[in-house]
Amino acid sequence: MNLNSDSLLSADREQEFGTDPILIAGPTASGKSEIALALAVALQGEIISVDSMQVYRGLDIGTSKPTSAERISVPHHLLDVVDLADGSFDAARFVAETEQAIREIRQRGRLPILCGGTGLYFNAWLKGLGTAPPPDLVLRAELETLPLETLLEELARKDRVCFDTIDRKNHRRIVRAIEVIRITGKPFSGQRSLWSDRAPVLRGRSFGLKRTREDLLDRIHQRVDRMFEGGLVAETAQLLPRGLEKNRTALQAIGYRQVVEHLHGVRGLGETVELVKSKTRQYARRQRTWFEGQLTLDWISLEARETVESTVVRIRESLRKG
């Protein structure tokens, strides 16, 4: 196909589907990546990963990162952008790099598709970055020594809104909330910038994928089995000298922490596999609850036997109705 033909296709697609980004969110193993890939092929799109762990080089099998063939088929962004030894990748950097990627994708006459399961990143890009101060490492170190119950009691006293909505198993997030409250003397829940609220603009272009409980559990179990069969243990062992254990953010990726413990003799392989399945099930429930409570999405119920192609047709029809 020549350049003129490509331009005509781009113009037709733009007229029919617009140029604003499309969002595809949902719990792990719901089929987001496959559907986003097929949609990108159909609509001349490029995919921006909204995944806090796929940004790390080397975390491939455990994060179900797109294959080389898939990246050749459709350009992907925000994959493999930071080394484990470099530290963390935060929401501010995600927003900045996403904005840059969107500009470049549009300049090429293609359609940006944001796809992933990291709610914090979706929220930061849609609603704006918080106005919270930079970290106070001394204070943070002090807070990290306190029991979770003590931290939650303080949060409940000083910011009931945050206490009612925060993931109470996310120790790092709770520490950050109290850190900000102590530094500023203001509720953490109120420190969000109003400069960026894209959610109304993207209404009708933001989709959430959901499956029946039985279907999602089956897909989670199959996915975890494939990860271990595909070499997750060996991949984790290779990442240890590269700083995996020292990177507290990356080590939160489900699968890697459990395999590290297995490699240190904490538990056997079979027990480790079952633990990863259990952790993934819990994570998927939290994701679903978070997306339903925090983002305005058009939810698409997927049947177990539904093909990716038929789901793409449904999304395209929804986009046409706008």
Protein backbone atom coordinates (compact mmCIF):
# COMPACT_ATOMS: atom_id res chain seq x y z
CA MET A 1 0.00 0.00 0.00
CA ASN A 2 1.39 3.41 -0.94
CA LEU A 3 1.53 6.59 1.12
CA ASN A 4 -1.54 8.11 -0.55
CA SER A 5 -3.59 5.01 0.24
CA ASP A 6 -2.44 5.12 3.85
CA SER A 7 -3.45 8.79 4.07
CA LEU A 8 -6.89 8.05 2.67
CA LEU A 9 -7.40 5.24 5.14
CA SER A 10 -6.30 7.51 7.98
CA ALA A 11 -8.70 10.25 6.88
CA ASP A 12 -11.60 7.79 6.63
CA ARG A 13 -10.84 6.35 10.05
CA GLU A 14 -10.51 9.82 11.56
CA GLN A 15 -13.84 10.91 10.14
CA GLU A 16 -15.58 7.80 11.45
CA PHE A 17 -13.90 7.34 14.83
CA GLY A 18 -12.29 10.69 15.64
CA THR A 19 -8.79 11.33 16.97
CA ASP A 20 -9.31 11.31 20.74
CA PRO A 21 -7.67 8.40 22.56
CA ILE A 22 -9.57 5.21 23.32
CA LEU A 23 -9.24 3.67 26.78
CA ILE A 24 -9.45 -0.04 27.49
CA ALA A 25 -9.29 -1.02 31.17
CA GLY A 26 -10.15 -4.02 33.29
CA PRO A 27 -8.81 -6.60 35.69
CA THR A 28 -5.84 -8.80 34.93
CA ALA A 29 -6.52 -11.71 32.54
CA SER A 30 -9.71 -10.10 31.23
CA GLY A 31 -8.30 -9.98 27.68
CA LYS A 32 -7.40 -6.29 27.43
CA SER A 33 -4.15 -6.71 25.54
CA GLU A 34 -5.51 -9.02 22.84
CA ILE A 35 -8.52 -6.79 22.24
CA ALA A 36 -6.45 -3.60 22.17
CA LEU A 37 -4.06 -5.20 19.70
CA ALA A 38 -6.86 -6.24 17.34
CA LEU A 39 -8.54 -2.84 17.68
CA ALA A 40 -5.26 -1.10 16.88
CA VAL A 41 -4.86 -3.19 13.74
CA ALA A 42 -8.43 -2.42 12.68
CA LEU A 43 -8.26 1.33 13.36
CA GLN A 44 -4.63 2.13 12.53
CA GLY A 45 -3.87 2.62 16.18
CA GLU A 46 -0.85 2.51 18.46
CA ILE A 47 -0.99 1.20 22.02
CA ILE A 48 0.14 3.04 25.14
CA SER A 49 0.64 0.62 28.02
CA VAL A 50 -1.03 1.67 31.27
CA ASP A 51 0.84 -0.85 33.40
CA SER A 52 3.10 0.14 36.28
CA MET A 53 5.20 -3.03 35.94
CA GLN A 54 5.61 -3.34 32.17
CA VAL A 55 7.71 -0.17 32.27
CA TYR A 56 10.58 -2.20 33.79
CA ARG A 57 13.09 -3.87 31.51
CA GLY A 58 13.29 -7.59 32.17
CA LEU A 59 9.87 -8.02 33.76
CA ASP A 60 8.51 -9.81 30.72
CA ILE A 61 6.93 -13.16 31.52
CA GLY A 62 5.46 -12.16 34.86
CA THR A 63 3.78 -9.05 33.43
CA SER A 64 2.59 -10.74 30.21
CA LYS A 65 4.39 -8.12 28.18
CA PRO A 66 3.56 -8.05 24.43
CA THR A 67 5.70 -10.32 22.31
CA SER A 68 8.21 -9.09 19.73
CA ALA A 69 5.83 -10.10 16.95
CA GLU A 70 2.99 -8.12 18.53
CA ARG A 71 5.21 -5.05 18.87
CA ILE A 72 6.16 -5.32 15.22
CA SER A 73 2.52 -5.65 14.24
CA VAL A 74 1.43 -2.62 16.29
CA PRO A 75 3.72 0.01 17.86
CA HIS A 76 3.63 -0.04 21.67
CA HIS A 77 4.65 2.74 24.03
CA LEU A 78 5.77 2.87 27.69
CA LEU A 79 7.25 -0.61 27.65
CA ASP A 80 10.83 -1.23 28.86
CA VAL A 81 11.53 2.41 29.71
CA VAL A 82 13.40 1.99 33.02
CA ASP A 83 15.97 -0.41 34.48
CA LEU A 84 15.39 -2.14 37.78
CA ALA A 85 18.47 -0.46 39.20
CA ASP A 86 17.17 3.00 38.29
CA GLY A 87 14.45 3.02 40.92
CA SER A 88 10.74 3.66 40.54
CA PHE A 89 8.54 4.95 37.74
CA ASP A 90 5.78 7.20 39.06
CA ALA A 91 2.46 8.62 37.89
CA ALA A 92 3.99 12.00 37.03
CA ARG A 93 6.41 10.42 34.60
CA PHE A 94 3.63 8.27 33.19
CA VAL A 95 1.50 11.33 32.45
CA ALA A 96 4.39 13.21 30.83
CA GLU A 97 5.45 10.30 28.62
CA THR A 98 1.87 9.48 27.71
CA GLU A 99 1.26 13.06 26.59
CA GLN A 100 4.37 12.91 24.43
CA ALA A 101 3.36 9.55 22.95
CA ILE A 102 -0.14 10.81 22.12
CA ARG A 103 1.26 13.84 20.30
CA GLU A 104 3.60 11.67 18.24
CA ILE A 105 0.91 9.11 17.44
CA ARG A 106 -1.46 11.82 16.24
CA GLN A 107 1.26 13.41 14.14
CA ARG A 108 1.57 10.09 12.33
CA GLY A 109 -2.17 10.17 11.64
CA ARG A 110 -2.80 7.21 13.90
CA LEU A 111 -5.11 6.59 16.84
CA PRO A 112 -3.84 6.42 20.47
CA ILE A 113 -5.20 3.47 22.47
CA LEU A 114 -4.47 3.43 26.20
CA CYS A 115 -4.68 -0.10 27.56
CA GLY A 116 -3.89 -1.55 30.96
CA GLY A 117 -4.90 -2.26 34.51
CA THR A 118 -3.07 0.31 36.65
CA GLY A 119 -5.88 2.47 37.97
CA LEU A 120 -3.58 5.08 39.51
CA TYR A 121 -2.05 5.84 36.11
CA PHE A 122 -5.44 6.08 34.40
CA ASN A 123 -6.63 8.40 37.17
CA ALA A 124 -3.54 10.61 36.97
CA TRP A 125 -3.85 11.05 33.22
CA LEU A 126 -7.63 11.53 33.21
CA LYS A 127 -8.03 13.75 36.27
CA GLY A 128 -4.68 15.40 36.70
CA LEU A 129 -1.65 14.98 38.89
CA GLY A 130 -1.96 15.67 42.55
CA THR A 131 -0.47 18.79 44.09
CA ALA A 132 1.17 16.82 46.89
CA PRO A 133 4.74 17.74 47.90
CA PRO A 134 7.82 15.70 47.00
CA PRO A 135 8.78 12.79 49.29
CA ASP A 136 10.34 13.43 52.68
CA LEU A 137 12.64 10.42 52.92
CA VAL A 138 13.35 10.81 56.63
CA LEU A 139 9.66 11.03 57.52
CA ARG A 140 8.83 8.18 55.16
CA ALA A 141 11.44 5.94 56.78
CA GLU A 142 9.90 6.70 60.18
CA LEU A 143 6.37 5.93 58.97
CA GLU A 144 7.45 2.68 57.37
CA THR A 145 8.45 1.35 60.80
CA LEU A 146 4.92 1.82 62.17
CA PRO A 147 2.37 -1.02 62.18
CA LEU A 148 -0.31 -0.84 59.50
CA GLU A 149 -3.03 -0.57 62.17
CA THR A 150 -1.37 2.54 63.64
CA LEU A 151 -1.11 4.16 60.21
CA LEU A 152 -4.76 3.45 59.43
CA GLU A 153 -5.88 4.89 62.77
CA GLU A 154 -4.06 8.14 61.99
CA LEU A 155 -5.47 8.24 58.48
CA ALA A 156 -9.01 7.71 59.78
CA ARG A 157 -8.61 10.64 62.20
CA LYS A 158 -7.05 13.07 59.74
CA ASP A 159 -8.65 12.19 56.38
CA ARG A 160 -11.81 10.13 56.56
CA VAL A 161 -12.43 10.42 52.80
CA CYS A 162 -9.04 8.91 52.00
CA PHE A 163 -9.47 6.25 54.70
CA ASP A 164 -12.81 5.15 53.20
CA THR A 165 -11.45 4.81 49.66
CA ILE A 166 -7.80 3.74 49.96
CA ASP A 167 -6.67 0.15 49.44
CA ARG A 168 -5.98 -0.76 53.06
CA LYS A 169 -3.58 -3.52 52.04
CA ASN A 170 -1.41 -1.10 50.07
CA HIS A 171 1.11 -0.17 52.77
CA ARG A 172 3.15 2.07 50.47
CA ARG A 173 0.09 4.11 49.47
CA ILE A 174 -1.01 4.53 53.09
CA VAL A 175 2.45 5.69 54.13
CA ARG A 176 2.45 8.26 51.31
CA ALA A 177 -0.99 9.57 52.33
CA ILE A 178 0.07 10.15 55.93
CA GLU A 179 3.41 11.59 54.82
CA VAL A 180 1.60 14.22 52.74
CA ILE A 181 -0.88 14.97 55.52
CA ARG A 182 1.91 15.56 58.06
CA ILE A 183 3.92 17.74 55.67
CA THR A 184 1.04 19.93 54.49
CA GLY A 185 -1.40 19.75 57.38
CA LYS A 186 -4.16 19.14 54.81
CA PRO A 187 -6.17 16.03 53.82
CA PHE A 188 -4.48 13.88 51.22
CA SER A 189 -7.82 13.37 49.44
CA GLY A 190 -8.12 17.09 48.67
CA GLN A 191 -4.72 17.53 47.06
CA ARG A 192 -5.58 16.91 43.45
CA SER A 193 -5.03 19.38 40.66
CA LEU A 194 -8.06 20.45 38.64
CA TRP A 195 -6.06 21.36 35.54
CA SER A 196 -6.80 18.14 33.72
CA ASP A 197 -10.15 16.39 33.60
CA ARG A 198 -10.34 14.43 30.38
CA ALA A 199 -12.99 12.00 31.59
CA PRO A 200 -15.99 13.93 30.18
CA VAL A 201 -14.23 14.35 26.82
CA LEU A 202 -13.57 10.63 26.58
CA ARG A 203 -17.06 9.53 27.57
CA GLY A 204 -18.13 6.92 25.06
CA ARG A 205 -14.47 6.14 24.30
CA SER A 206 -13.55 4.52 27.62
CA PHE A 207 -14.28 0.83 27.94
CA GLY A 208 -14.04 -1.63 30.81
CA LEU A 209 -13.92 -5.37 30.23
CA LYS A 210 -15.64 -7.74 32.61
CA ARG A 211 -16.21 -11.48 32.67
CA THR A 212 -18.13 -13.86 34.86
CA ARG A 213 -16.32 -14.87 38.02
CA GLU A 214 -15.86 -18.44 36.81
CA ASP A 215 -14.50 -17.37 33.42
CA LEU A 216 -12.06 -14.86 34.90
CA LEU A 217 -10.78 -17.34 37.49
CA ASP A 218 -10.21 -19.92 34.78
CA ARG A 219 -8.33 -17.40 32.66
CA ILE A 220 -6.22 -16.33 35.67
CA HIS A 221 -5.26 -19.92 36.45
CA GLN A 222 -4.35 -20.63 32.83
CA ARG A 223 -2.32 -17.43 32.64
CA VAL A 224 -0.33 -18.25 35.77
CA ASP A 225 0.33 -21.78 34.52
CA ARG A 226 1.61 -20.37 31.22
CA MET A 227 3.89 -17.96 33.07
CA PHE A 228 5.59 -20.74 35.01
CA GLU A 229 5.72 -23.02 31.97
CA GLY A 230 7.21 -20.12 30.00
CA GLY A 231 10.12 -19.67 32.38
CA LEU A 232 9.07 -17.27 35.15
CA VAL A 233 11.39 -18.91 37.68
CA ALA A 234 14.40 -18.65 35.39
CA GLU A 235 13.53 -15.06 34.45
CA THR A 236 13.28 -14.09 38.12
CA ALA A 237 16.63 -15.71 38.91
CA GLN A 238 18.23 -13.71 36.09
CA LEU A 239 16.73 -10.48 37.46
CA LEU A 240 18.13 -10.86 40.97
CA PRO A 241 21.66 -9.68 40.02
CA ARG A 242 20.07 -6.75 38.17
CA GLY A 243 18.48 -5.36 41.34
CA LEU A 244 15.00 -6.89 41.49
CA GLU A 245 15.02 -7.40 45.27
CA LYS A 246 16.23 -3.84 45.87
CA ASN A 247 13.51 -2.28 43.73
CA ARG A 248 10.57 -2.23 46.12
CA THR A 249 8.13 -1.05 43.44
CA ALA A 250 9.02 -3.70 40.86
CA LEU A 251 9.01 -6.41 43.51
CA GLN A 252 5.31 -5.71 44.05
CA ALA A 253 4.56 -7.28 40.66
CA ILE A 254 2.61 -10.42 41.47
CA GLY A 255 4.66 -13.50 40.73
CA TYR A 256 8.13 -12.07 41.18
CA ARG A 257 8.07 -11.66 44.97
CA GLN A 258 6.62 -15.14 45.39
CA VAL A 259 9.23 -16.67 43.07
CA VAL A 260 12.03 -14.80 44.86
CA GLU A 261 10.82 -16.35 48.10
CA HIS A 262 10.74 -19.75 46.40
CA LEU A 263 14.33 -19.29 45.19
CA HIS A 264 15.32 -18.49 48.78
CA GLY A 265 13.76 -21.74 49.95
CA VAL A 266 10.67 -20.30 51.62
CA ARG A 267 8.27 -22.65 49.82
CA GLY A 268 8.19 -25.28 47.09
CA LEU A 269 7.32 -24.67 43.46
CA GLY A 270 3.82 -26.14 43.59
CA GLU A 271 2.89 -24.06 46.61
CA THR A 272 4.38 -20.99 44.92
CA VAL A 273 2.24 -21.49 41.82
CA GLU A 274 -0.91 -21.75 43.93
CA LEU A 275 0.07 -18.66 45.93
CA VAL A 276 0.55 -16.63 42.74
CA LYS A 277 -2.89 -17.74 41.55
CA SER A 278 -4.41 -16.68 44.87
CA LYS A 279 -2.63 -13.28 44.83
CA THR A 280 -3.73 -12.71 41.23
CA ARG A 281 -7.35 -13.51 42.06
CA GLN A 282 -7.27 -11.01 44.92
CA TYR A 283 -5.66 -8.37 42.72
CA ALA A 284 -8.27 -8.84 39.98
CA ARG A 285 -11.07 -8.29 42.51
CA ARG A 286 -9.44 -5.09 43.74
CA GLN A 287 -8.97 -3.84 40.19
CA ARG A 288 -12.60 -4.44 39.28
CA THR A 289 -13.82 -2.70 42.44
CA TRP A 290 -11.48 0.24 41.85
CA PHE A 291 -12.44 0.75 38.21
CA GLU A 292 -16.15 0.57 39.01
CA GLY A 293 -15.79 3.13 41.79
CA GLN A 294 -13.26 5.56 40.34
CA LEU A 295 -13.66 5.71 36.55
CA THR A 296 -16.62 6.23 34.26
CA LEU A 297 -16.36 3.32 31.83
CA ASP A 298 -18.67 1.70 29.32
CA TRP A 299 -18.56 -1.86 30.60
CA ILE A 300 -18.49 -4.67 28.06
CA SER A 301 -19.53 -8.09 29.37
CA LEU A 302 -17.53 -10.78 27.62
CA GLU A 303 -18.70 -14.34 27.19
CA ALA A 304 -16.20 -17.14 27.69
CA ARG A 305 -16.40 -18.21 24.05
CA GLU A 306 -16.57 -14.72 22.55
CA THR A 307 -13.82 -14.07 20.02
CA VAL A 308 -11.55 -11.07 20.07
CA GLU A 309 -12.83 -10.12 16.63
CA SER A 310 -16.44 -9.98 17.79
CA THR A 311 -15.48 -7.81 20.77
CA VAL A 312 -13.68 -5.41 18.45
CA VAL A 313 -16.83 -5.19 16.32
CA ARG A 314 -18.83 -4.29 19.43
CA ILE A 315 -16.36 -1.58 20.40
CA ARG A 316 -16.37 -0.13 16.88
CA GLU A 317 -20.16 -0.01 16.87
CA SER A 318 -20.13 1.74 20.24
CA LEU A 319 -17.62 4.29 18.95
CA ARG A 320 -19.78 5.02 15.91
CA LYS A 321 -22.74 5.78 18.16
CA GLY A 322 -20.42 8.09 20.06
